[in-house]
Amino acid sequence: MKTGKQHNAPHTQSGFKGYTLDELRYQRAVLALKAEYCKERIFETAEELHKKTPFSSQGQKNYAKGLGGILGKIVSGLSYVDIALVGFSAFNSIRKISSIFRKH
C-alpha cells in the first residue's frame, strides 16, 4: 500500500513536539480502515478457496463428475474430522500391510 512518493513523517524530524489530538484520531481511523480492508481480503480469499474444495457444496458439483456419483455423495456427507479419521485409518492399514511384506 505504499505509493511511489517518500513520506517524511513528522515524528522522524528533529524538533517534533508531538501529534495533535486530531492527527492521532486521523491516524487511528486510517489504521482501522487498513485493518478492515485486509480482513475483508482474507475473508474473500478464504471463501474462494472454500468454493474450490471438493468437500464444499459448490465445489462438489465440479468434483462429483470426476469422482463418480456415489463417491461424490459420500465425500460431501463427511466432515473434515471424519475425512481425517478415515485417512488416518487407511494410513495405518497400509502401514501394517507393508510391514508384512518387508518381513518376508
PDB file of N, CA and C in Angstrom:
ATOM      1  N   MET A   1       0.811  -1.176   0.000  1.00  0.00           N
ATOM      2  CA  MET A   1       0.000   0.000   0.000  1.00  0.00           C
ATOM      3  C   MET A   1       0.866   1.256   0.000  1.00  0.00           C
ATOM      4  N   LYS A   2       2.112   1.117  -0.340  1.00  0.00           N
ATOM      5  CA  LYS A   2       2.984   2.266  -0.418  1.00  0.00           C
ATOM      6  C   LYS A   2       2.853   2.908  -1.781  1.00  0.00           C
ATOM      7  N   THR A   3       2.939   4.204  -1.798  1.00  0.00           N
ATOM      8  CA  THR A   3       2.939   4.917  -3.062  1.00  0.00           C
ATOM      9  C   THR A   3       4.375   5.169  -3.472  1.00  0.00           C
ATOM     10  N   GLY A   4       4.552   5.721  -4.649  1.00  0.00           N
ATOM     11  CA  GLY A   4       5.894   5.970  -5.147  1.00  0.00           C
ATOM     12  C   GLY A   4       6.578   7.133  -4.438  1.00  0.00           C
ATOM     13  N   LYS A   5       5.836   7.953  -3.730  1.00  0.00           N
ATOM     14  CA  LYS A   5       6.407   9.121  -3.058  1.00  0.00           C
ATOM     15  C   LYS A   5       6.981   8.753  -1.700  1.00  0.00           C
ATOM     16  N   GLN A   6       8.049   9.417  -1.337  1.00  0.00           N
ATOM     17  CA  GLN A   6       8.610   9.245   0.000  1.00  0.00           C
ATOM     18  C   GLN A   6       7.857  10.184   0.940  1.00  0.00           C
ATOM     19  N   HIS A   7       7.453   9.678   2.081  1.00  0.00           N
ATOM     20  CA  HIS A   7       6.706  10.480   3.042  1.00  0.00           C
ATOM     21  C   HIS A   7       7.579  10.686   4.272  1.00  0.00           C
ATOM     22  N   ASN A   8       7.831  11.944   4.586  1.00  0.00           N
ATOM     23  CA  ASN A   8       8.604  12.255   5.787  1.00  0.00           C
ATOM     24  C   ASN A   8       7.637  12.448   6.942  1.00  0.00           C
ATOM     25  N   ALA A   9       7.590  11.494   7.831  1.00  0.00           N
ATOM     26  CA  ALA A   9       6.703  11.573   8.986  1.00  0.00           C
ATOM     27  C   ALA A   9       7.228  12.634   9.945  1.00  0.00           C
ATOM     28  N   PRO A  10       6.339  13.383  10.562  1.00  0.00           N
ATOM     29  CA  PRO A  10       6.781  14.440  11.475  1.00  0.00           C
ATOM     30  C   PRO A  10       7.594  13.916  12.653  1.00  0.00           C
ATOM     31  N   HIS A  11       7.285  12.712  13.130  1.00  0.00           N
ATOM     32  CA  HIS A  11       7.980  12.211  14.308  1.00  0.00           C
ATOM     33  C   HIS A  11       9.429  11.824  13.996  1.00  0.00           C
ATOM     34  N   THR A  12       9.813  11.778  12.727  1.00  0.00           N
ATOM     35  CA  THR A  12      11.201  11.474  12.382  1.00  0.00           C
ATOM     36  C   THR A  12      12.052  12.729  12.249  1.00  0.00           C
ATOM     37  N   GLN A  13      11.439  13.875  12.272  1.00  0.00           N
ATOM     38  CA  GLN A  13      12.169  15.129  12.128  1.00  0.00           C
ATOM     39  C   GLN A  13      12.567  15.670  13.499  1.00  0.00           C
ATOM     40  N   SER A  14      13.667  16.395  13.522  1.00  0.00           N
ATOM     41  CA  SER A  14      14.111  16.977  14.795  1.00  0.00           C
ATOM     42  C   SER A  14      13.181  18.127  15.172  1.00  0.00           C
ATOM     43  N   GLY A  15      13.015  18.326  16.446  1.00  0.00           N
ATOM     44  CA  GLY A  15      12.160  19.395  16.945  1.00  0.00           C
ATOM     45  C   GLY A  15      10.687  19.038  16.979  1.00  0.00           C
ATOM     46  N   PHE A  16      10.363  17.757  16.824  1.00  0.00           N
ATOM     47  CA  PHE A  16       8.973  17.313  16.843  1.00  0.00           C
ATOM     48  C   PHE A  16       8.463  17.335  18.278  1.00  0.00           C
ATOM     49  N   LYS A  17       7.330  18.007  18.500  1.00  0.00           N
ATOM     50  CA  LYS A  17       6.791  18.149  19.846  1.00  0.00           C
ATOM     51  C   LYS A  17       5.621  17.214  20.131  1.00  0.00           C
ATOM     52  N   GLY A  18       5.150  16.487  19.127  1.00  0.00           N
ATOM     53  CA  GLY A  18       4.044  15.553  19.337  1.00  0.00           C
ATOM     54  C   GLY A  18       2.907  15.805  18.373  1.00  0.00           C
ATOM     55  N   TYR A  19       2.025  14.839  18.291  1.00  0.00           N
ATOM     56  CA  TYR A  19       0.863  14.944  17.419  1.00  0.00           C
ATOM     57  C   TYR A  19      -0.284  15.637  18.146  1.00  0.00           C
ATOM     58  N   THR A  20      -1.132  16.296  17.363  1.00  0.00           N
ATOM     59  CA  THR A  20      -2.337  16.875  17.944  1.00  0.00           C
ATOM     60  C   THR A  20      -3.379  15.768  18.082  1.00  0.00           C
ATOM     61  N   LEU A  21      -4.427  16.034  18.804  1.00  0.00           N
ATOM     62  CA  LEU A  21      -5.486  15.057  19.006  1.00  0.00           C
ATOM     63  C   LEU A  21      -6.159  14.702  17.676  1.00  0.00           C
ATOM     64  N   ASP A  22      -6.348  15.689  16.825  1.00  0.00           N
ATOM     65  CA  ASP A  22      -6.950  15.419  15.513  1.00  0.00           C
ATOM     66  C   ASP A  22      -6.046  14.540  14.651  1.00  0.00           C
ATOM     67  N   GLU A  23      -4.751  14.755  14.689  1.00  0.00           N
ATOM     68  CA  GLU A  23      -3.818  13.936  13.929  1.00  0.00           C
ATOM     69  C   GLU A  23      -3.827  12.491  14.428  1.00  0.00           C
ATOM     70  N   LEU A  24      -3.882  12.312  15.744  1.00  0.00           N
ATOM     71  CA  LEU A  24      -3.944  10.963  16.304  1.00  0.00           C
ATOM     72  C   LEU A  24      -5.234  10.251  15.900  1.00  0.00           C
ATOM     73  N   ARG A  25      -6.348  10.985  15.932  1.00  0.00           N
ATOM     74  CA  ARG A  25      -7.624  10.396  15.523  1.00  0.00           C
ATOM     75  C   ARG A  25      -7.586  10.006  14.050  1.00  0.00           C
ATOM     76  N   TYR A  26      -6.991  10.856  13.222  1.00  0.00           N
ATOM     77  CA  TYR A  26      -6.889  10.566  11.800  1.00  0.00           C
ATOM     78  C   TYR A  26      -6.037   9.321  11.565  1.00  0.00           C
ATOM     79  N   GLN A  27      -4.897   9.230  12.225  1.00  0.00           N
ATOM     80  CA  GLN A  27      -4.030   8.065  12.061  1.00  0.00           C
ATOM     81  C   GLN A  27      -4.723   6.791  12.535  1.00  0.00           C
ATOM     82  N   ARG A  28      -5.461   6.905  13.626  1.00  0.00           N
ATOM     83  CA  ARG A  28      -6.187   5.746  14.141  1.00  0.00           C
ATOM     84  C   ARG A  28      -7.270   5.293  13.161  1.00  0.00           C
ATOM     85  N   ALA A  29      -7.968   6.257  12.551  1.00  0.00           N
ATOM     86  CA  ALA A  29      -9.003   5.927  11.573  1.00  0.00           C
ATOM     87  C   ALA A  29      -8.396   5.283  10.333  1.00  0.00           C
ATOM     88  N   VAL A  30      -7.252   5.780   9.889  1.00  0.00           N
ATOM     89  CA  VAL A  30      -6.589   5.197   8.719  1.00  0.00           C
ATOM     90  C   VAL A  30      -6.157   3.769   9.011  1.00  0.00           C
ATOM     91  N   LEU A  31      -5.595   3.519  10.175  1.00  0.00           N
ATOM     92  CA  LEU A  31      -5.177   2.161  10.537  1.00  0.00           C
ATOM     93  C   LEU A  31      -6.369   1.214  10.659  1.00  0.00           C
ATOM     94  N   ALA A  32      -7.480   1.697  11.200  1.00  0.00           N
ATOM     95  CA  ALA A  32      -8.683   0.871  11.307  1.00  0.00           C
ATOM     96  C   ALA A  32      -9.217   0.531   9.918  1.00  0.00           C
ATOM     97  N   LEU A  33      -9.153   1.495   9.001  1.00  0.00           N
ATOM     98  CA  LEU A  33      -9.600   1.260   7.636  1.00  0.00           C
ATOM     99  C   LEU A  33      -8.709   0.239   6.938  1.00  0.00           C
ATOM    100  N   LYS A  34      -7.397   0.343   7.125  1.00  0.00           N
ATOM    101  CA  LYS A  34      -6.468  -0.627   6.536  1.00  0.00           C
ATOM    102  C   LYS A  34      -6.705  -2.023   7.097  1.00  0.00           C
ATOM    103  N   ALA A  35      -6.931  -2.113   8.402  1.00  0.00           N
ATOM    104  CA  ALA A  35      -7.180  -3.414   9.026  1.00  0.00           C
ATOM    105  C   ALA A  35      -8.475  -4.028   8.498  1.00  0.00           C
ATOM    106  N   GLU A  36      -9.506  -3.218   8.344  1.00  0.00           N
ATOM    107  CA  GLU A  36     -10.787  -3.717   7.831  1.00  0.00           C
ATOM    108  C   GLU A  36     -10.644  -4.183   6.385  1.00  0.00           C
ATOM    109  N   TYR A  37      -9.880  -3.446   5.595  1.00  0.00           N
ATOM    110  CA  TYR A  37      -9.640  -3.828   4.209  1.00  0.00           C
ATOM    111  C   TYR A  37      -8.906  -5.169   4.142  1.00  0.00           C
ATOM    112  N   CYS A  38      -7.870  -5.334   4.953  1.00  0.00           N
ATOM    113  CA  CYS A  38      -7.113  -6.588   4.958  1.00  0.00           C
ATOM    114  C   CYS A  38      -7.986  -7.757   5.414  1.00  0.00           C
ATOM    115  N   LYS A  39      -8.821  -7.519   6.411  1.00  0.00           N
ATOM    116  CA  LYS A  39      -9.707  -8.566   6.908  1.00  0.00           C
ATOM    117  C   LYS A  39     -10.688  -8.999   5.822  1.00  0.00           C
ATOM    118  N   GLU A  40     -11.240  -8.049   5.085  1.00  0.00           N
ATOM    119  CA  GLU A  40     -12.159  -8.380   4.006  1.00  0.00           C
ATOM    120  C   GLU A  40     -11.465  -9.166   2.907  1.00  0.00           C
ATOM    121  N   ARG A  41     -10.237  -8.788   2.585  1.00  0.00           N
ATOM    122  CA  ARG A  41      -9.479  -9.520   1.559  1.00  0.00           C
ATOM    123  C   ARG A  41      -9.228 -10.958   2.001  1.00  0.00           C
ATOM    124  N   ILE A  42      -8.901 -11.162   3.272  1.00  0.00           N
ATOM    125  CA  ILE A  42      -8.665 -12.509   3.792  1.00  0.00           C
ATOM    126  C   ILE A  42      -9.946 -13.337   3.712  1.00  0.00           C
ATOM    127  N   PHE A  43     -11.081 -12.754   4.100  1.00  0.00           N
ATOM    128  CA  PHE A  43     -12.346 -13.478   4.037  1.00  0.00           C
ATOM    129  C   PHE A  43     -12.722 -13.818   2.598  1.00  0.00           C
ATOM    130  N   GLU A  44     -12.494 -12.897   1.663  1.00  0.00           N
ATOM    131  CA  GLU A  44     -12.795 -13.172   0.260  1.00  0.00           C
ATOM    132  C   GLU A  44     -11.922 -14.299  -0.274  1.00  0.00           C
ATOM    133  N   THR A  45     -10.638 -14.273   0.070  1.00  0.00           N
ATOM    134  CA  THR A  45      -9.729 -15.327  -0.376  1.00  0.00           C
ATOM    135  C   THR A  45     -10.121 -16.666   0.219  1.00  0.00           C
ATOM    136  N   ALA A  46     -10.466 -16.684   1.504  1.00  0.00           N
ATOM    137  CA  ALA A  46     -10.874 -17.929   2.158  1.00  0.00           C
ATOM    138  C   ALA A  46     -12.159 -18.464   1.524  1.00  0.00           C
ATOM    139  N   GLU A  47     -13.077 -17.577   1.184  1.00  0.00           N
ATOM    140  CA  GLU A  47     -14.329 -18.017   0.564  1.00  0.00           C
ATOM    141  C   GLU A  47     -14.073 -18.610  -0.823  1.00  0.00           C
ATOM    142  N   GLU A  48     -13.170 -17.991  -1.585  1.00  0.00           N
ATOM    143  CA  GLU A  48     -12.827 -18.535  -2.898  1.00  0.00           C
ATOM    144  C   GLU A  48     -12.175 -19.903  -2.764  1.00  0.00           C
ATOM    145  N   LEU A  49     -11.281 -20.062  -1.792  1.00  0.00           N
ATOM    146  CA  LEU A  49     -10.647 -21.361  -1.583  1.00  0.00           C
ATOM    147  C   LEU A  49     -11.657 -22.407  -1.151  1.00  0.00           C
ATOM    148  N   HIS A  50     -12.596 -22.005  -0.311  1.00  0.00           N
ATOM    149  CA  HIS A  50     -13.616 -22.938   0.165  1.00  0.00           C
ATOM    150  C   HIS A  50     -14.499 -23.414  -0.994  1.00  0.00           C
ATOM    151  N   LYS A  51     -14.778 -22.519  -1.930  1.00  0.00           N
ATOM    152  CA  LYS A  51     -15.600 -22.892  -3.077  1.00  0.00           C
ATOM    153  C   LYS A  51     -14.877 -23.882  -3.976  1.00  0.00           C
ATOM    154  N   LYS A  52     -13.552 -23.855  -3.986  1.00  0.00           N
ATOM    155  CA  LYS A  52     -12.783 -24.716  -4.872  1.00  0.00           C
ATOM    156  C   LYS A  52     -12.538 -26.107  -4.302  1.00  0.00           C
ATOM    157  N   THR A  53     -12.789 -26.334  -3.012  1.00  0.00           N
ATOM    158  CA  THR A  53     -12.529 -27.646  -2.423  1.00  0.00           C
ATOM    159  C   THR A  53     -13.613 -28.630  -2.835  1.00  0.00           C
ATOM    160  N   PRO A  54     -13.268 -29.886  -2.980  1.00  0.00           N
ATOM    161  CA  PRO A  54     -14.279 -30.865  -3.390  1.00  0.00           C
ATOM    162  C   PRO A  54     -15.278 -31.178  -2.289  1.00  0.00           C
ATOM    163  N   PHE A  55     -15.023 -30.734  -1.074  1.00  0.00           N
ATOM    164  CA  PHE A  55     -15.893 -31.074   0.045  1.00  0.00           C
ATOM    165  C   PHE A  55     -16.977 -30.030   0.279  1.00  0.00           C
ATOM    166  N   SER A  56     -16.894 -28.890  -0.401  1.00  0.00           N
ATOM    167  CA  SER A  56     -17.936 -27.885  -0.252  1.00  0.00           C
ATOM    168  C   SER A  56     -19.076 -28.185  -1.207  1.00  0.00           C
ATOM    169  N   SER A  57     -20.236 -27.605  -0.973  1.00  0.00           N
ATOM    170  CA  SER A  57     -21.388 -27.898  -1.814  1.00  0.00           C
ATOM    171  C   SER A  57     -21.205 -27.357  -3.220  1.00  0.00           C
ATOM    172  N   GLN A  58     -20.550 -26.200  -3.365  1.00  0.00           N
ATOM    173  CA  GLN A  58     -20.336 -25.652  -4.698  1.00  0.00           C
ATOM    174  C   GLN A  58     -19.217 -26.386  -5.414  1.00  0.00           C
ATOM    175  N   GLY A  59     -18.161 -26.726  -4.691  1.00  0.00           N
ATOM    176  CA  GLY A  59     -17.082 -27.488  -5.291  1.00  0.00           C
ATOM    177  C   GLY A  59     -17.506 -28.911  -5.585  1.00  0.00           C
ATOM    178  N   GLN A  60     -18.481 -29.397  -4.837  1.00  0.00           N
ATOM    179  CA  GLN A  60     -18.982 -30.758  -5.017  1.00  0.00           C
ATOM    180  C   GLN A  60     -19.535 -30.947  -6.423  1.00  0.00           C
ATOM    181  N   LYS A  61     -20.198 -29.932  -6.947  1.00  0.00           N
ATOM    182  CA  LYS A  61     -20.792 -30.039  -8.278  1.00  0.00           C
ATOM    183  C   LYS A  61     -19.717 -30.283  -9.326  1.00  0.00           C
ATOM    184  N   ASN A  62     -18.574 -29.621  -9.177  1.00  0.00           N
ATOM    185  CA  ASN A  62     -17.495 -29.774 -10.146  1.00  0.00           C
ATOM    186  C   ASN A  62     -16.763 -31.094  -9.970  1.00  0.00           C
ATOM    187  N   TYR A  63     -16.532 -31.511  -8.744  1.00  0.00           N
ATOM    188  CA  TYR A  63     -15.739 -32.689  -8.479  1.00  0.00           C
ATOM    189  C   TYR A  63     -16.559 -33.977  -8.508  1.00  0.00           C
ATOM    190  N   ALA A  64     -17.872 -33.903  -8.327  1.00  0.00           N
ATOM    191  CA  ALA A  64     -18.697 -35.106  -8.298  1.00  0.00           C
ATOM    192  C   ALA A  64     -18.659 -35.823  -9.634  1.00  0.00           C
ATOM    193  N   LYS A  65     -18.542 -35.084 -10.706  1.00  0.00           N
ATOM    194  CA  LYS A  65     -18.479 -35.710 -12.024  1.00  0.00           C
ATOM    195  C   LYS A  65     -17.218 -36.548 -12.152  1.00  0.00           C
ATOM    196  N   GLY A  66     -16.100 -36.030 -11.629  1.00  0.00           N
ATOM    197  CA  GLY A  66     -14.847 -36.760 -11.719  1.00  0.00           C
ATOM    198  C   GLY A  66     -14.764 -37.898 -10.715  1.00  0.00           C
ATOM    199  N   LEU A  67     -15.372 -37.747  -9.565  1.00  0.00           N
ATOM    200  CA  LEU A  67     -15.295 -38.771  -8.533  1.00  0.00           C
ATOM    201  C   LEU A  67     -16.315 -39.883  -8.754  1.00  0.00           C
ATOM    202  N   GLY A  68     -17.344 -39.609  -9.466  1.00  0.00           N
ATOM    203  CA  GLY A  68     -18.425 -40.575  -9.602  1.00  0.00           C
ATOM    204  C   GLY A  68     -19.547 -40.169  -8.674  1.00  0.00           C
ATOM    205  N   GLY A  69     -20.758 -40.523  -9.023  1.00  0.00           N
ATOM    206  CA  GLY A  69     -21.918 -40.064  -8.263  1.00  0.00           C
ATOM    207  C   GLY A  69     -21.943 -40.542  -6.829  1.00  0.00           C
ATOM    208  N   ILE A  70     -21.698 -41.826  -6.591  1.00  0.00           N
ATOM    209  CA  ILE A  70     -21.802 -42.383  -5.242  1.00  0.00           C
ATOM    210  C   ILE A  70     -20.665 -41.869  -4.365  1.00  0.00           C
ATOM    211  N   LEU A  71     -19.445 -41.914  -4.886  1.00  0.00           N
ATOM    212  CA  LEU A  71     -18.302 -41.443  -4.105  1.00  0.00           C
ATOM    213  C   LEU A  71     -18.428 -39.957  -3.793  1.00  0.00           C
ATOM    214  N   GLY A  72     -18.937 -39.181  -4.734  1.00  0.00           N
ATOM    215  CA  GLY A  72     -19.143 -37.753  -4.510  1.00  0.00           C
ATOM    216  C   GLY A  72     -20.140 -37.488  -3.398  1.00  0.00           C
ATOM    217  N   LYS A  73     -21.202 -38.270  -3.359  1.00  0.00           N
ATOM    218  CA  LYS A  73     -22.204 -38.108  -2.301  1.00  0.00           C
ATOM    219  C   LYS A  73     -21.644 -38.505  -0.939  1.00  0.00           C
ATOM    220  N   ILE A  74     -20.834 -39.558  -0.912  1.00  0.00           N
ATOM    221  CA  ILE A  74     -20.228 -39.990   0.352  1.00  0.00           C
ATOM    222  C   ILE A  74     -19.297 -38.912   0.888  1.00  0.00           C
ATOM    223  N   VAL A  75     -18.438 -38.383   0.020  1.00  0.00           N
ATOM    224  CA  VAL A  75     -17.475 -37.373   0.442  1.00  0.00           C
ATOM    225  C   VAL A  75     -18.177 -36.096   0.881  1.00  0.00           C
ATOM    226  N   SER A  76     -19.266 -35.729   0.197  1.00  0.00           N
ATOM    227  CA  SER A  76     -19.965 -34.499   0.570  1.00  0.00           C
ATOM    228  C   SER A  76     -20.649 -34.626   1.926  1.00  0.00           C
ATOM    229  N   GLY A  77     -20.955 -35.841   2.361  1.00  0.00           N
ATOM    230  CA  GLY A  77     -21.617 -36.037   3.645  1.00  0.00           C
ATOM    231  C   GLY A  77     -20.668 -36.109   4.826  1.00  0.00           C
ATOM    232  N   LEU A  78     -19.366 -36.145   4.561  1.00  0.00           N
ATOM    233  CA  LEU A  78     -18.384 -36.261   5.634  1.00  0.00           C
ATOM    234  C   LEU A  78     -17.860 -34.896   6.049  1.00  0.00           C
ATOM    235  N   SER A  79     -17.570 -34.754   7.325  1.00  0.00           N
ATOM    236  CA  SER A  79     -16.931 -33.528   7.791  1.00  0.00           C
ATOM    237  C   SER A  79     -15.419 -33.692   7.676  1.00  0.00           C
ATOM    238  N   TYR A  80     -14.693 -32.622   7.908  1.00  0.00           N
ATOM    239  CA  TYR A  80     -13.233 -32.667   7.814  1.00  0.00           C
ATOM    240  C   TYR A  80     -12.640 -33.642   8.839  1.00  0.00           C
ATOM    241  N   VAL A  81     -13.251 -33.718  10.004  1.00  0.00           N
ATOM    242  CA  VAL A  81     -12.767 -34.635  11.040  1.00  0.00           C
ATOM    243  C   VAL A  81     -12.962 -36.081  10.589  1.00  0.00           C
ATOM    244  N   ASP A  82     -14.119 -36.364  10.006  1.00  0.00           N
ATOM    245  CA  ASP A  82     -14.377 -37.716   9.502  1.00  0.00           C
ATOM    246  C   ASP A  82     -13.374 -38.099   8.422  1.00  0.00           C
ATOM    247  N   ILE A  83     -13.107 -37.190   7.527  1.00  0.00           N
ATOM    248  CA  ILE A  83     -12.155 -37.459   6.452  1.00  0.00           C
ATOM    249  C   ILE A  83     -10.760 -37.700   7.018  1.00  0.00           C
ATOM    250  N   ALA A  84     -10.377 -36.910   8.030  1.00  0.00           N
ATOM    251  CA  ALA A  84      -9.066 -37.098   8.654  1.00  0.00           C
ATOM    252  C   ALA A  84      -8.979 -38.462   9.334  1.00  0.00           C
ATOM    253  N   LEU A  85     -10.039 -38.873  10.011  1.00  0.00           N
ATOM    254  CA  LEU A  85     -10.039 -40.179  10.682  1.00  0.00           C
ATOM    255  C   LEU A  85      -9.997 -41.322   9.677  1.00  0.00           C
ATOM    256  N   VAL A  86     -10.716 -41.203   8.587  1.00  0.00           N
ATOM    257  CA  VAL A  86     -10.680 -42.236   7.543  1.00  0.00           C
ATOM    258  C   VAL A  86      -9.285 -42.300   6.941  1.00  0.00           C
ATOM    259  N   GLY A  87      -8.683 -41.145   6.688  1.00  0.00           N
ATOM    260  CA  GLY A  87      -7.326 -41.121   6.151  1.00  0.00           C
ATOM    261  C   GLY A  87      -6.321 -41.731   7.100  1.00  0.00           C
ATOM    262  N   PHE A  88      -6.456 -41.430   8.379  1.00  0.00           N
ATOM    263  CA  PHE A  88      -5.544 -41.991   9.383  1.00  0.00           C
ATOM    264  C   PHE A  88      -5.704 -43.508   9.464  1.00  0.00           C
ATOM    265  N   SER A  89      -6.939 -43.972   9.428  1.00  0.00           N
ATOM    266  CA  SER A  89      -7.195 -45.409   9.474  1.00  0.00           C
ATOM    267  C   SER A  89      -6.623 -46.099   8.238  1.00  0.00           C
ATOM    268  N   ALA A  90      -6.809 -45.501   7.076  1.00  0.00           N
ATOM    269  CA  ALA A  90      -6.267 -46.077   5.840  1.00  0.00           C
ATOM    270  C   ALA A  90      -4.747 -46.101   5.885  1.00  0.00           C
ATOM    271  N   PHE A  91      -4.135 -45.044   6.402  1.00  0.00           N
ATOM    272  CA  PHE A  91      -2.680 -44.993   6.505  1.00  0.00           C
ATOM    273  C   PHE A  91      -2.160 -46.107   7.408  1.00  0.00           C
ATOM    274  N   ASN A  92      -2.812 -46.309   8.545  1.00  0.00           N
ATOM    275  CA  ASN A  92      -2.386 -47.382   9.459  1.00  0.00           C
ATOM    276  C   ASN A  92      -2.552 -48.758   8.818  1.00  0.00           C
ATOM    277  N   SER A  93      -3.631 -48.955   8.084  1.00  0.00           N
ATOM    278  CA  SER A  93      -3.838 -50.247   7.418  1.00  0.00           C
ATOM    279  C   SER A  93      -2.757 -50.500   6.376  1.00  0.00           C
ATOM    280  N   ILE A  94      -2.441 -49.500   5.582  1.00  0.00           N
ATOM    281  CA  ILE A  94      -1.402 -49.639   4.561  1.00  0.00           C
ATOM    282  C   ILE A  94      -0.046 -49.877   5.200  1.00  0.00           C
ATOM    283  N   ARG A  95       0.209 -49.194   6.318  1.00  0.00           N
ATOM    284  CA  ARG A  95       1.488 -49.357   7.020  1.00  0.00           C
ATOM    285  C   ARG A  95       1.637 -50.786   7.537  1.00  0.00           C
ATOM    286  N   LYS A  96       0.555 -51.349   8.093  1.00  0.00           N
ATOM    287  CA  LYS A  96       0.607 -52.728   8.607  1.00  0.00           C
ATOM    288  C   LYS A  96       0.799 -53.731   7.480  1.00  0.00           C
ATOM    289  N   ILE A  97       0.117 -53.523   6.372  1.00  0.00           N
ATOM    290  CA  ILE A  97       0.259 -54.437   5.234  1.00  0.00           C
ATOM    291  C   ILE A  97       1.673 -54.359   4.663  1.00  0.00           C
ATOM    292  N   SER A  98       2.203 -53.151   4.553  1.00  0.00           N
ATOM    293  CA  SER A  98       3.563 -53.022   4.001  1.00  0.00           C
ATOM    294  C   SER A  98       4.597 -53.621   4.948  1.00  0.00           C
ATOM    295  N   SER A  99       4.361 -53.604   6.258  1.00  0.00           N
ATOM    296  CA  SER A  99       5.316 -54.213   7.187  1.00  0.00           C
ATOM    297  C   SER A  99       5.317 -55.736   7.059  1.00  0.00           C
ATOM    298  N   ILE A 100       4.182 -56.319   6.665  1.00  0.00           N
ATOM    299  CA  ILE A 100       4.119 -57.775   6.432  1.00  0.00           C
ATOM    300  C   ILE A 100       5.021 -58.150   5.252  1.00  0.00           C
ATOM    301  N   PHE A 101       4.956 -57.366   4.184  1.00  0.00           N
ATOM    302  CA  PHE A 101       5.764 -57.649   3.001  1.00  0.00           C
ATOM    303  C   PHE A 101       7.248 -57.407   3.250  1.00  0.00           C
ATOM    304  N   ARG A 102       7.586 -56.495   4.129  1.00  0.00           N
ATOM    305  CA  ARG A 102       9.010 -56.222   4.425  1.00  0.00           C
ATOM    306  C   ARG A 102       9.642 -57.359   5.207  1.00  0.00           C
ATOM    307  N   LYS A 103       8.858 -58.036   6.030  1.00  0.00           N
ATOM    308  CA  LYS A 103       9.395 -59.124   6.843  1.00  0.00           C
ATOM    309  C   LYS A 103       9.816 -60.309   5.987  1.00  0.00           C
ATOM    310  N   HIS A 104       9.166 -60.520   4.863  1.00  0.00           N
ATOM    311  CA  HIS A 104       9.442 -61.698   4.020  1.00  0.00           C
ATOM    312  C   HIS A 104      10.412 -61.387   2.966  1.00  0.00           C
TER     313      HIS A 104
END
